[in-house]
Amino acid sequence: MGANNFADRLKNFFGLRKSISEELFEDLTDLLVEGDFGAAEAMKTVDSLRETCRKEKITDTAELRQKLAELLEAVLTGSNTANVGGNVLSTGFPAVILLLGVNGVGKTTTAAKLAQLYRDRDKRKPILAAADTFRAAAIDQLKIHGERLGVRVIAHQHGGDPAAVVYDAMEAVQSGSGDLIIADTAGRMHTKAALVEELKKIDRVVETKGRAGGSEADIRYIKWLVLDATTGRNAFVQAETFNAAVKVDGVILTKYDSGAKGGVVYSLMEELKLPVVYLCEGEKYGDIRPFDPLLFTQDFLSLA
């Protein structure tokens, strides 16, 4: 399936149907599943759409498509996506952003994109923390990003303690060298127990150092899961696993193409209550934008 084919198929699906029937609803369910909705989520969505049509006596397929857009936008808006990133960073307090996710989803590049975004847009002083000590390449890559951006990078040796890296980054913040830590973490998921223990140790460091001034409000702490948008339902499984292991606050989707299948976003929000915070659409530092429920829904249904 090509990059734009799914959006085109949805557009054609409604364009070719002249009347609303039970067959239409069944075919729409199948199409949503193909678009990376889970089967349960697709059936729930179509059931809601069917009920809306019955109550409002809708017989026109163009109006049906618009009602589907309203329903899907409501799912995304209901997850309070717009302020997830802003709330944690607009308070004036120092903040720690922990980026989670499996290897290969683009965590390290995303860390650099966030550093530039918050530095240029919000006048923050970011510090990149190389807490993925499992891979030497990840440490080196983050250092290169730091050099290109002119952003400080705190790193230890390959194989070191990730929590110690975060500790040193917080020391730097408390000494006035920065006010925002963006920490890259290891992507291995060989055992959930190992992941939990590693993150619990980082949690303790952030919480202990964050209370150094005697107040729990001294620092803001957020965990964002980075997912590859092209992996579809596999991204949902990753989110399910990470969210069960640790409390995830939101999702950043990388490698996103506005014409590609995007139904997994609705499942993330409806089934896991995980809001999508940012979309990354390319490799450049500026290729990141806040998630917009209306724009995303219009892209998904080819309404834009």
C-alpha atoms as a PDB file:
ATOM      1  CA  MET A   1       0.000   0.000   0.000  1.00  0.00           C
ATOM      2  CA  GLY A   2       1.563   3.312  -1.101  1.00  0.00           C
ATOM      3  CA  ALA A   3       1.981   6.294   1.152  1.00  0.00           C
ATOM      4  CA  ASN A   4      -1.137   8.083  -0.053  1.00  0.00           C
ATOM      5  CA  ASN A   5      -3.278   5.104  -0.986  1.00  0.00           C
ATOM      6  CA  PHE A   6      -5.074   4.664   2.305  1.00  0.00           C
ATOM      7  CA  ALA A   7      -6.365   8.254   2.470  1.00  0.00           C
ATOM      8  CA  ASP A   8      -7.377   7.936  -1.197  1.00  0.00           C
ATOM      9  CA  ARG A   9      -9.177   4.665  -0.502  1.00  0.00           C
ATOM     10  CA  LEU A  10     -11.172   6.247   2.302  1.00  0.00           C
ATOM     11  CA  LYS A  11     -12.078   9.177   0.057  1.00  0.00           C
ATOM     12  CA  ASN A  12     -13.126   6.840  -2.758  1.00  0.00           C
ATOM     13  CA  PHE A  13     -15.035   4.621  -0.332  1.00  0.00           C
ATOM     14  CA  PHE A  14     -17.411   7.444   0.546  1.00  0.00           C
ATOM     15  CA  GLY A  15     -17.423   8.913  -2.957  1.00  0.00           C
ATOM     16  CA  LEU A  16     -18.525   5.689  -4.629  1.00  0.00           C
ATOM     17  CA  ARG A  17     -21.309   4.851  -2.168  1.00  0.00           C
ATOM     18  CA  LYS A  18     -24.633   6.376  -3.110  1.00  0.00           C
ATOM     19  CA  SER A  19     -26.631   5.169  -0.135  1.00  0.00           C
ATOM     20  CA  ILE A  20     -26.122   4.147   3.472  1.00  0.00           C
ATOM     21  CA  SER A  21     -26.596   0.451   4.170  1.00  0.00           C
ATOM     22  CA  GLU A  22     -25.523  -2.231   6.616  1.00  0.00           C
ATOM     23  CA  GLU A  23     -23.048  -3.426   3.996  1.00  0.00           C
ATOM     24  CA  LEU A  24     -21.465   0.043   3.998  1.00  0.00           C
ATOM     25  CA  PHE A  25     -20.945  -0.079   7.755  1.00  0.00           C
ATOM     26  CA  GLU A  26     -19.421  -3.564   7.557  1.00  0.00           C
ATOM     27  CA  ASP A  27     -17.059  -2.529   4.745  1.00  0.00           C
ATOM     28  CA  LEU A  28     -16.106   0.648   6.637  1.00  0.00           C
ATOM     29  CA  THR A  29     -15.205  -1.460   9.678  1.00  0.00           C
ATOM     30  CA  ASP A  30     -12.899  -3.597   7.531  1.00  0.00           C
ATOM     31  CA  LEU A  31     -11.317  -0.503   5.990  1.00  0.00           C
ATOM     32  CA  LEU A  32     -10.632   1.072   9.387  1.00  0.00           C
ATOM     33  CA  VAL A  33      -8.937  -2.135  10.527  1.00  0.00           C
ATOM     34  CA  GLU A  34      -6.734  -1.917   7.422  1.00  0.00           C
ATOM     35  CA  GLY A  35      -5.930   1.648   8.485  1.00  0.00           C
ATOM     36  CA  ASP A  36      -4.426   0.330  11.759  1.00  0.00           C
ATOM     37  CA  PHE A  37      -7.450   0.674  13.984  1.00  0.00           C
ATOM     38  CA  GLY A  38      -7.730  -2.360  16.204  1.00  0.00           C
ATOM     39  CA  ALA A  39     -10.701  -4.584  15.378  1.00  0.00           C
ATOM     40  CA  ALA A  40     -12.466  -3.727  18.642  1.00  0.00           C
ATOM     41  CA  GLU A  41     -11.859  -0.003  18.168  1.00  0.00           C
ATOM     42  CA  ALA A  42     -13.055  -0.117  14.542  1.00  0.00           C
ATOM     43  CA  MET A  43     -16.284  -1.883  15.526  1.00  0.00           C
ATOM     44  CA  LYS A  44     -16.884   0.537  18.387  1.00  0.00           C
ATOM     45  CA  THR A  45     -16.348   3.524  16.096  1.00  0.00           C
ATOM     46  CA  VAL A  46     -18.674   2.213  13.393  1.00  0.00           C
ATOM     47  CA  ASP A  47     -21.322   1.288  15.988  1.00  0.00           C
ATOM     48  CA  SER A  48     -21.261   4.896  17.240  1.00  0.00           C
ATOM     49  CA  LEU A  49     -21.494   6.172  13.666  1.00  0.00           C
ATOM     50  CA  ARG A  50     -24.408   3.827  12.901  1.00  0.00           C
ATOM     51  CA  GLU A  51     -26.282   5.053  16.001  1.00  0.00           C
ATOM     52  CA  THR A  52     -25.660   8.706  15.089  1.00  0.00           C
ATOM     53  CA  CYS A  53     -27.043   8.111  11.606  1.00  0.00           C
ATOM     54  CA  ARG A  54     -30.139   6.437  13.025  1.00  0.00           C
ATOM     55  CA  LYS A  55     -30.822   9.216  15.533  1.00  0.00           C
ATOM     56  CA  GLU A  56     -30.181  12.054  13.088  1.00  0.00           C
ATOM     57  CA  LYS A  57     -31.783  10.261  10.122  1.00  0.00           C
ATOM     58  CA  ILE A  58     -28.665  10.708   7.964  1.00  0.00           C
ATOM     59  CA  THR A  59     -28.947   9.194   4.485  1.00  0.00           C
ATOM     60  CA  ASP A  60     -26.219  11.066   2.582  1.00  0.00           C
ATOM     61  CA  THR A  61     -22.730   9.499   2.448  1.00  0.00           C
ATOM     62  CA  ALA A  62     -20.996  12.891   2.377  1.00  0.00           C
ATOM     63  CA  GLU A  63     -22.724  13.795   5.629  1.00  0.00           C
ATOM     64  CA  LEU A  64     -21.848  10.361   6.999  1.00  0.00           C
ATOM     65  CA  ARG A  65     -18.180  11.033   6.287  1.00  0.00           C
ATOM     66  CA  GLN A  66     -18.411  14.368   8.083  1.00  0.00           C
ATOM     67  CA  LYS A  67     -20.044  12.707  11.088  1.00  0.00           C
ATOM     68  CA  LEU A  68     -17.206  10.168  11.168  1.00  0.00           C
ATOM     69  CA  ALA A  69     -14.718  13.054  11.171  1.00  0.00           C
ATOM     70  CA  GLU A  70     -16.515  14.707  14.093  1.00  0.00           C
ATOM     71  CA  LEU A  71     -16.601  11.441  16.009  1.00  0.00           C
ATOM     72  CA  LEU A  72     -12.877  10.770  15.473  1.00  0.00           C
ATOM     73  CA  GLU A  73     -11.866  14.326  16.297  1.00  0.00           C
ATOM     74  CA  ALA A  74     -13.841  14.082  19.537  1.00  0.00           C
ATOM     75  CA  VAL A  75     -11.851  10.972  20.508  1.00  0.00           C
ATOM     76  CA  LEU A  76      -8.576  12.844  20.016  1.00  0.00           C
ATOM     77  CA  THR A  77      -9.706  16.095  21.610  1.00  0.00           C
ATOM     78  CA  GLY A  78     -11.124  14.229  24.591  1.00  0.00           C
ATOM     79  CA  SER A  79      -7.619  13.060  25.454  1.00  0.00           C
ATOM     80  CA  ASN A  80      -6.537  16.665  26.085  1.00  0.00           C
ATOM     81  CA  THR A  81      -3.690  16.402  23.611  1.00  0.00           C
ATOM     82  CA  ALA A  82      -3.191  20.100  23.044  1.00  0.00           C
ATOM     83  CA  ASN A  83      -1.786  20.918  26.460  1.00  0.00           C
ATOM     84  CA  VAL A  84       0.200  17.823  27.363  1.00  0.00           C
ATOM     85  CA  GLY A  85       3.459  19.326  26.173  1.00  0.00           C
ATOM     86  CA  GLY A  86       2.662  22.871  27.212  1.00  0.00           C
ATOM     87  CA  ASN A  87       1.583  22.209  30.776  1.00  0.00           C
ATOM     88  CA  VAL A  88       4.798  20.573  31.847  1.00  0.00           C
ATOM     89  CA  LEU A  89       7.019  23.165  30.226  1.00  0.00           C
ATOM     90  CA  SER A  90       5.194  26.479  30.594  1.00  0.00           C
ATOM     91  CA  THR A  91       5.396  26.744  34.364  1.00  0.00           C
ATOM     92  CA  GLY A  92       8.823  28.336  34.585  1.00  0.00           C
ATOM     93  CA  PHE A  93      10.103  25.380  36.580  1.00  0.00           C
ATOM     94  CA  PRO A  94      12.974  23.167  35.407  1.00  0.00           C
ATOM     95  CA  ALA A  95      11.792  20.001  33.671  1.00  0.00           C
ATOM     96  CA  VAL A  96      12.966  16.510  32.816  1.00  0.00           C
ATOM     97  CA  ILE A  97      11.662  14.784  29.682  1.00  0.00           C
ATOM     98  CA  LEU A  98      12.445  11.077  29.554  1.00  0.00           C
ATOM     99  CA  LEU A  99      12.168   9.595  26.058  1.00  0.00           C
ATOM    100  CA  LEU A 100      11.233   5.901  25.984  1.00  0.00           C
ATOM    101  CA  GLY A 101      10.897   3.431  23.139  1.00  0.00           C
ATOM    102  CA  VAL A 102      12.452   0.476  21.354  1.00  0.00           C
ATOM    103  CA  ASN A 103      15.595   0.812  19.248  1.00  0.00           C
ATOM    104  CA  GLY A 104      15.124   2.185  15.758  1.00  0.00           C
ATOM    105  CA  VAL A 105      12.109   4.437  16.359  1.00  0.00           C
ATOM    106  CA  GLY A 106      14.162   7.648  16.298  1.00  0.00           C
ATOM    107  CA  LYS A 107      14.470   8.542  19.998  1.00  0.00           C
ATOM    108  CA  THR A 108      17.903  10.157  19.699  1.00  0.00           C
ATOM    109  CA  THR A 109      16.931  12.349  16.747  1.00  0.00           C
ATOM    110  CA  THR A 110      13.667  13.228  18.491  1.00  0.00           C
ATOM    111  CA  ALA A 111      15.632  14.354  21.560  1.00  0.00           C
ATOM    112  CA  ALA A 112      17.585  16.749  19.335  1.00  0.00           C
ATOM    113  CA  LYS A 113      14.393  18.029  17.660  1.00  0.00           C
ATOM    114  CA  LEU A 114      12.828  18.756  21.057  1.00  0.00           C
ATOM    115  CA  ALA A 115      15.981  20.528  22.205  1.00  0.00           C
ATOM    116  CA  GLN A 116      15.871  22.894  19.231  1.00  0.00           C
ATOM    117  CA  LEU A 117      12.096  23.379  19.514  1.00  0.00           C
ATOM    118  CA  TYR A 118      12.110  24.352  23.189  1.00  0.00           C
ATOM    119  CA  ARG A 119      15.253  26.434  22.858  1.00  0.00           C
ATOM    120  CA  ASP A 120      13.989  28.466  19.891  1.00  0.00           C
ATOM    121  CA  ARG A 121      10.270  28.613  20.683  1.00  0.00           C
ATOM    122  CA  ASP A 122      10.223  28.770  24.483  1.00  0.00           C
ATOM    123  CA  LYS A 123      13.706  30.196  25.158  1.00  0.00           C
ATOM    124  CA  ARG A 124      14.583  27.173  27.259  1.00  0.00           C
ATOM    125  CA  LYS A 125      18.169  26.131  27.981  1.00  0.00           C
ATOM    126  CA  PRO A 126      18.101  22.415  27.149  1.00  0.00           C
ATOM    127  CA  ILE A 127      20.620  19.793  28.207  1.00  0.00           C
ATOM    128  CA  LEU A 128      20.732  16.476  26.349  1.00  0.00           C
ATOM    129  CA  ALA A 129      21.370  13.484  28.622  1.00  0.00           C
ATOM    130  CA  ALA A 130      22.779  10.334  26.982  1.00  0.00           C
ATOM    131  CA  ALA A 131      21.015   7.853  29.263  1.00  0.00           C
ATOM    132  CA  ASP A 132      21.094   5.136  26.592  1.00  0.00           C
ATOM    133  CA  THR A 133      24.395   3.799  27.885  1.00  0.00           C
ATOM    134  CA  PHE A 134      23.710   0.382  26.380  1.00  0.00           C
ATOM    135  CA  ARG A 135      24.668   1.502  22.863  1.00  0.00           C
ATOM    136  CA  ALA A 136      27.885   3.418  22.258  1.00  0.00           C
ATOM    137  CA  ALA A 137      26.465   4.611  18.927  1.00  0.00           C
ATOM    138  CA  ALA A 138      23.544   6.310  20.705  1.00  0.00           C
ATOM    139  CA  ILE A 139      25.947   8.250  22.943  1.00  0.00           C
ATOM    140  CA  ASP A 140      28.051   9.329  19.961  1.00  0.00           C
ATOM    141  CA  GLN A 141      24.975  10.300  17.948  1.00  0.00           C
ATOM    142  CA  LEU A 142      23.626  12.485  20.744  1.00  0.00           C
ATOM    143  CA  LYS A 143      27.015  14.202  21.072  1.00  0.00           C
ATOM    144  CA  ILE A 144      26.972  14.991  17.345  1.00  0.00           C
ATOM    145  CA  HIS A 145      23.468  16.478  17.648  1.00  0.00           C
ATOM    146  CA  GLY A 146      24.637  18.554  20.606  1.00  0.00           C
ATOM    147  CA  GLU A 147      27.578  19.934  18.636  1.00  0.00           C
ATOM    148  CA  ARG A 148      25.373  20.823  15.672  1.00  0.00           C
ATOM    149  CA  LEU A 149      22.791  22.547  17.841  1.00  0.00           C
ATOM    150  CA  GLY A 150      25.207  24.141  20.271  1.00  0.00           C
ATOM    151  CA  VAL A 151      23.453  22.324  23.113  1.00  0.00           C
ATOM    152  CA  ARG A 152      25.259  20.802  26.094  1.00  0.00           C
ATOM    153  CA  VAL A 153      25.355  16.991  26.208  1.00  0.00           C
ATOM    154  CA  ILE A 154      26.014  15.041  29.399  1.00  0.00           C
ATOM    155  CA  ALA A 155      27.277  11.518  28.775  1.00  0.00           C
ATOM    156  CA  HIS A 156      29.108   8.756  30.606  1.00  0.00           C
ATOM    157  CA  GLN A 157      31.046   5.813  29.258  1.00  0.00           C
ATOM    158  CA  HIS A 158      29.382   3.024  27.316  1.00  0.00           C
ATOM    159  CA  GLY A 159      27.871   0.559  29.788  1.00  0.00           C
ATOM    160  CA  GLY A 160      27.520   3.109  32.567  1.00  0.00           C
ATOM    161  CA  ASP A 161      24.551   3.716  34.853  1.00  0.00           C
ATOM    162  CA  PRO A 162      21.743   5.615  33.064  1.00  0.00           C
ATOM    163  CA  ALA A 163      20.468   7.035  36.368  1.00  0.00           C
ATOM    164  CA  ALA A 164      23.914   8.493  37.061  1.00  0.00           C
ATOM    165  CA  VAL A 165      23.768  10.341  33.733  1.00  0.00           C
ATOM    166  CA  VAL A 166      20.401  11.849  34.668  1.00  0.00           C
ATOM    167  CA  TYR A 167      21.780  12.719  38.120  1.00  0.00           C
ATOM    168  CA  ASP A 168      24.670  14.661  36.572  1.00  0.00           C
ATOM    169  CA  ALA A 169      22.263  16.413  34.195  1.00  0.00           C
ATOM    170  CA  MET A 170      20.147  17.514  37.163  1.00  0.00           C
ATOM    171  CA  GLU A 171      23.262  18.723  38.950  1.00  0.00           C
ATOM    172  CA  ALA A 172      23.990  20.854  35.883  1.00  0.00           C
ATOM    173  CA  VAL A 173      20.452  22.277  35.931  1.00  0.00           C
ATOM    174  CA  GLN A 174      20.665  23.083  39.623  1.00  0.00           C
ATOM    175  CA  SER A 175      23.988  24.828  39.081  1.00  0.00           C
ATOM    176  CA  GLY A 176      22.320  27.074  36.482  1.00  0.00           C
ATOM    177  CA  SER A 177      23.689  25.472  33.290  1.00  0.00           C
ATOM    178  CA  GLY A 178      20.217  24.730  31.924  1.00  0.00           C
ATOM    179  CA  ASP A 179      16.529  24.425  32.765  1.00  0.00           C
ATOM    180  CA  LEU A 180      15.347  21.477  30.674  1.00  0.00           C
ATOM    181  CA  ILE A 181      16.764  17.940  30.532  1.00  0.00           C
ATOM    182  CA  ILE A 182      15.893  15.763  27.557  1.00  0.00           C
ATOM    183  CA  ALA A 183      17.088  12.235  28.295  1.00  0.00           C
ATOM    184  CA  ASP A 184      17.541   9.537  25.668  1.00  0.00           C
ATOM    185  CA  THR A 185      17.052   6.028  27.134  1.00  0.00           C
ATOM    186  CA  ALA A 186      17.885   2.475  26.072  1.00  0.00           C
ATOM    187  CA  GLY A 187      15.430   0.742  23.773  1.00  0.00           C
ATOM    188  CA  ARG A 188      15.862  -2.853  24.737  1.00  0.00           C
ATOM    189  CA  MET A 189      12.752  -4.676  25.958  1.00  0.00           C
ATOM    190  CA  HIS A 190      14.171  -8.141  26.646  1.00  0.00           C
ATOM    191  CA  THR A 191      12.439  -8.236  30.022  1.00  0.00           C
ATOM    192  CA  LYS A 192       9.836  -5.908  31.429  1.00  0.00           C
ATOM    193  CA  ALA A 193      11.366  -6.305  34.887  1.00  0.00           C
ATOM    194  CA  ALA A 194      14.729  -4.907  33.726  1.00  0.00           C
ATOM    195  CA  LEU A 195      12.998  -1.946  32.077  1.00  0.00           C
ATOM    196  CA  VAL A 196      10.979  -1.213  35.196  1.00  0.00           C
ATOM    197  CA  GLU A 197      13.984  -1.391  37.506  1.00  0.00           C
ATOM    198  CA  GLU A 198      16.087   0.871  35.294  1.00  0.00           C
ATOM    199  CA  LEU A 199      13.331   3.464  35.064  1.00  0.00           C
ATOM    200  CA  LYS A 200      12.487   3.252  38.755  1.00  0.00           C
ATOM    201  CA  LYS A 201      16.088   4.124  39.505  1.00  0.00           C
ATOM    202  CA  ILE A 202      15.874   7.155  37.206  1.00  0.00           C
ATOM    203  CA  ASP A 203      12.544   8.072  38.827  1.00  0.00           C
ATOM    204  CA  ARG A 204      14.174   8.052  42.263  1.00  0.00           C
ATOM    205  CA  VAL A 205      16.986  10.290  41.064  1.00  0.00           C
ATOM    206  CA  VAL A 206      14.572  12.814  39.524  1.00  0.00           C
ATOM    207  CA  GLU A 207      12.261  12.822  42.530  1.00  0.00           C
ATOM    208  CA  THR A 208      15.070  13.063  45.093  1.00  0.00           C
ATOM    209  CA  LYS A 209      17.004  15.744  43.240  1.00  0.00           C
ATOM    210  CA  GLY A 210      13.775  17.536  42.391  1.00  0.00           C
ATOM    211  CA  ARG A 211      13.022  17.977  46.062  1.00  0.00           C
ATOM    212  CA  ALA A 212      16.471  19.305  46.828  1.00  0.00           C
ATOM    213  CA  GLY A 213      14.991  22.700  47.607  1.00  0.00           C
ATOM    214  CA  GLY A 214      12.437  21.203  49.978  1.00  0.00           C
ATOM    215  CA  SER A 215       9.476  21.369  47.594  1.00  0.00           C
ATOM    216  CA  GLU A 216       7.997  18.702  45.348  1.00  0.00           C
ATOM    217  CA  ALA A 217       7.268  21.448  42.814  1.00  0.00           C
ATOM    218  CA  ASP A 218      10.920  22.195  42.140  1.00  0.00           C
ATOM    219  CA  ILE A 219      10.981  20.215  38.888  1.00  0.00           C
ATOM    220  CA  ARG A 220       8.537  18.915  36.298  1.00  0.00           C
ATOM    221  CA  TYR A 221       8.928  15.305  35.157  1.00  0.00           C
ATOM    222  CA  ILE A 222       7.365  13.672  32.118  1.00  0.00           C
ATOM    223  CA  LYS A 223       7.809  10.387  30.223  1.00  0.00           C
ATOM    224  CA  TRP A 224       7.087  10.357  26.509  1.00  0.00           C
ATOM    225  CA  LEU A 225       7.044   7.185  24.442  1.00  0.00           C
ATOM    226  CA  VAL A 226       8.506   7.470  20.939  1.00  0.00           C
ATOM    227  CA  LEU A 227       6.774   5.276  18.339  1.00  0.00           C
ATOM    228  CA  ASP A 228       7.445   4.710  14.634  1.00  0.00           C
ATOM    229  CA  ALA A 229       4.186   5.624  12.858  1.00  0.00           C
ATOM    230  CA  THR A 230       4.936   3.252   9.976  1.00  0.00           C
ATOM    231  CA  THR A 231       4.756   0.167  12.224  1.00  0.00           C
ATOM    232  CA  GLY A 232       0.995   0.452  12.730  1.00  0.00           C
ATOM    233  CA  ARG A 233      -0.465  -2.040  15.175  1.00  0.00           C
ATOM    234  CA  ASN A 234       3.027  -3.035  16.292  1.00  0.00           C
ATOM    235  CA  ALA A 235       3.376   0.508  17.650  1.00  0.00           C
ATOM    236  CA  PHE A 236       0.229  -0.078  19.688  1.00  0.00           C
ATOM    237  CA  VAL A 237       1.688  -3.288  21.140  1.00  0.00           C
ATOM    238  CA  GLN A 238       4.857  -1.390  22.117  1.00  0.00           C
ATOM    239  CA  ALA A 239       2.759   1.306  23.771  1.00  0.00           C
ATOM    240  CA  GLU A 240       0.756  -1.317  25.638  1.00  0.00           C
ATOM    241  CA  THR A 241       3.954  -2.945  26.926  1.00  0.00           C
ATOM    242  CA  PHE A 242       5.666   0.261  28.013  1.00  0.00           C
ATOM    243  CA  ASN A 243       2.524   1.692  29.571  1.00  0.00           C
ATOM    244  CA  ALA A 244       2.012  -1.477  31.587  1.00  0.00           C
ATOM    245  CA  ALA A 245       5.625  -1.360  32.773  1.00  0.00           C
ATOM    246  CA  VAL A 246       5.808   2.343  33.617  1.00  0.00           C
ATOM    247  CA  LYS A 247       3.346   5.220  33.579  1.00  0.00           C
ATOM    248  CA  VAL A 248       3.687   6.891  30.187  1.00  0.00           C
ATOM    249  CA  ASP A 249       2.436  10.484  29.884  1.00  0.00           C
ATOM    250  CA  GLY A 250       2.177  10.760  26.121  1.00  0.00           C
ATOM    251  CA  VAL A 251       3.401   9.652  22.709  1.00  0.00           C
ATOM    252  CA  ILE A 252       5.591  11.164  20.006  1.00  0.00           C
ATOM    253  CA  LEU A 253       5.048   9.654  16.544  1.00  0.00           C
ATOM    254  CA  THR A 254       8.069   9.614  14.227  1.00  0.00           C
ATOM    255  CA  LYS A 255       8.296   8.934  10.474  1.00  0.00           C
ATOM    256  CA  TYR A 256       4.741  10.207  10.057  1.00  0.00           C
ATOM    257  CA  ASP A 257       3.337  10.883   6.589  1.00  0.00           C
ATOM    258  CA  SER A 258       0.003  12.704   6.455  1.00  0.00           C
ATOM    259  CA  GLY A 259      -1.239  10.389   3.717  1.00  0.00           C
ATOM    260  CA  ALA A 260      -0.321   7.150   5.452  1.00  0.00           C
ATOM    261  CA  LYS A 261      -2.437   4.899   7.650  1.00  0.00           C
ATOM    262  CA  GLY A 262      -2.908   6.522  11.031  1.00  0.00           C
ATOM    263  CA  GLY A 263      -5.672   4.647  12.799  1.00  0.00           C
ATOM    264  CA  VAL A 264      -3.317   3.510  15.554  1.00  0.00           C
ATOM    265  CA  VAL A 265      -3.478   7.056  16.968  1.00  0.00           C
ATOM    266  CA  TYR A 266      -7.174   6.638  17.767  1.00  0.00           C
ATOM    267  CA  SER A 267      -6.497   3.303  19.456  1.00  0.00           C
ATOM    268  CA  LEU A 268      -3.678   4.798  21.532  1.00  0.00           C
ATOM    269  CA  MET A 269      -5.988   7.480  22.812  1.00  0.00           C
ATOM    270  CA  GLU A 270      -9.221   5.531  23.140  1.00  0.00           C
ATOM    271  CA  GLU A 271      -7.897   2.216  24.467  1.00  0.00           C
ATOM    272  CA  LEU A 272      -4.749   3.264  26.351  1.00  0.00           C
ATOM    273  CA  LYS A 273      -5.682   6.897  27.097  1.00  0.00           C
ATOM    274  CA  LEU A 274      -2.293   7.947  25.749  1.00  0.00           C
ATOM    275  CA  PRO A 275      -2.350  11.353  24.038  1.00  0.00           C
ATOM    276  CA  VAL A 276      -0.116  11.999  21.043  1.00  0.00           C
ATOM    277  CA  VAL A 277       1.950  15.098  21.771  1.00  0.00           C
ATOM    278  CA  TYR A 278       4.079  15.598  18.654  1.00  0.00           C
ATOM    279  CA  LEU A 279       4.383  14.326  15.086  1.00  0.00           C
ATOM    280  CA  CYS A 280       7.805  14.067  13.435  1.00  0.00           C
ATOM    281  CA  GLU A 281       7.659  14.109   9.652  1.00  0.00           C
ATOM    282  CA  GLY A 282      11.287  14.086   8.495  1.00  0.00           C
ATOM    283  CA  GLU A 283      14.931  14.000   9.537  1.00  0.00           C
ATOM    284  CA  LYS A 284      15.592  17.743   9.868  1.00  0.00           C
ATOM    285  CA  TYR A 285      15.554  19.333  13.327  1.00  0.00           C
ATOM    286  CA  GLY A 286      12.550  21.442  12.383  1.00  0.00           C
ATOM    287  CA  ASP A 287      10.494  18.445  11.235  1.00  0.00           C
ATOM    288  CA  ILE A 288       8.405  18.258  14.407  1.00  0.00           C
ATOM    289  CA  ARG A 289       5.024  19.794  15.150  1.00  0.00           C
ATOM    290  CA  PRO A 290       2.507  19.713  17.990  1.00  0.00           C
ATOM    291  CA  PHE A 291      -0.272  17.212  17.440  1.00  0.00           C
ATOM    292  CA  ASP A 292      -3.485  18.811  16.136  1.00  0.00           C
ATOM    293  CA  PRO A 293      -6.604  16.585  16.446  1.00  0.00           C
ATOM    294  CA  LEU A 294      -8.570  18.418  13.750  1.00  0.00           C
ATOM    295  CA  LEU A 295      -5.741  18.464  11.211  1.00  0.00           C
ATOM    296  CA  PHE A 296      -4.873  14.833  11.886  1.00  0.00           C
ATOM    297  CA  THR A 297      -8.484  13.715  11.395  1.00  0.00           C
ATOM    298  CA  GLN A 298      -8.794  15.706   8.187  1.00  0.00           C
ATOM    299  CA  ASP A 299      -5.609  14.064   6.895  1.00  0.00           C
ATOM    300  CA  PHE A 300      -6.807  10.621   7.919  1.00  0.00           C
ATOM    301  CA  LEU A 301     -10.150  11.018   6.120  1.00  0.00           C
ATOM    302  CA  SER A 302      -8.622  12.970   3.237  1.00  0.00           C
ATOM    303  CA  LEU A 303     -10.810  15.994   4.039  1.00  0.00           C
ATOM    304  CA  ALA A 304      -8.022  18.587   4.068  1.00  0.00           C
END
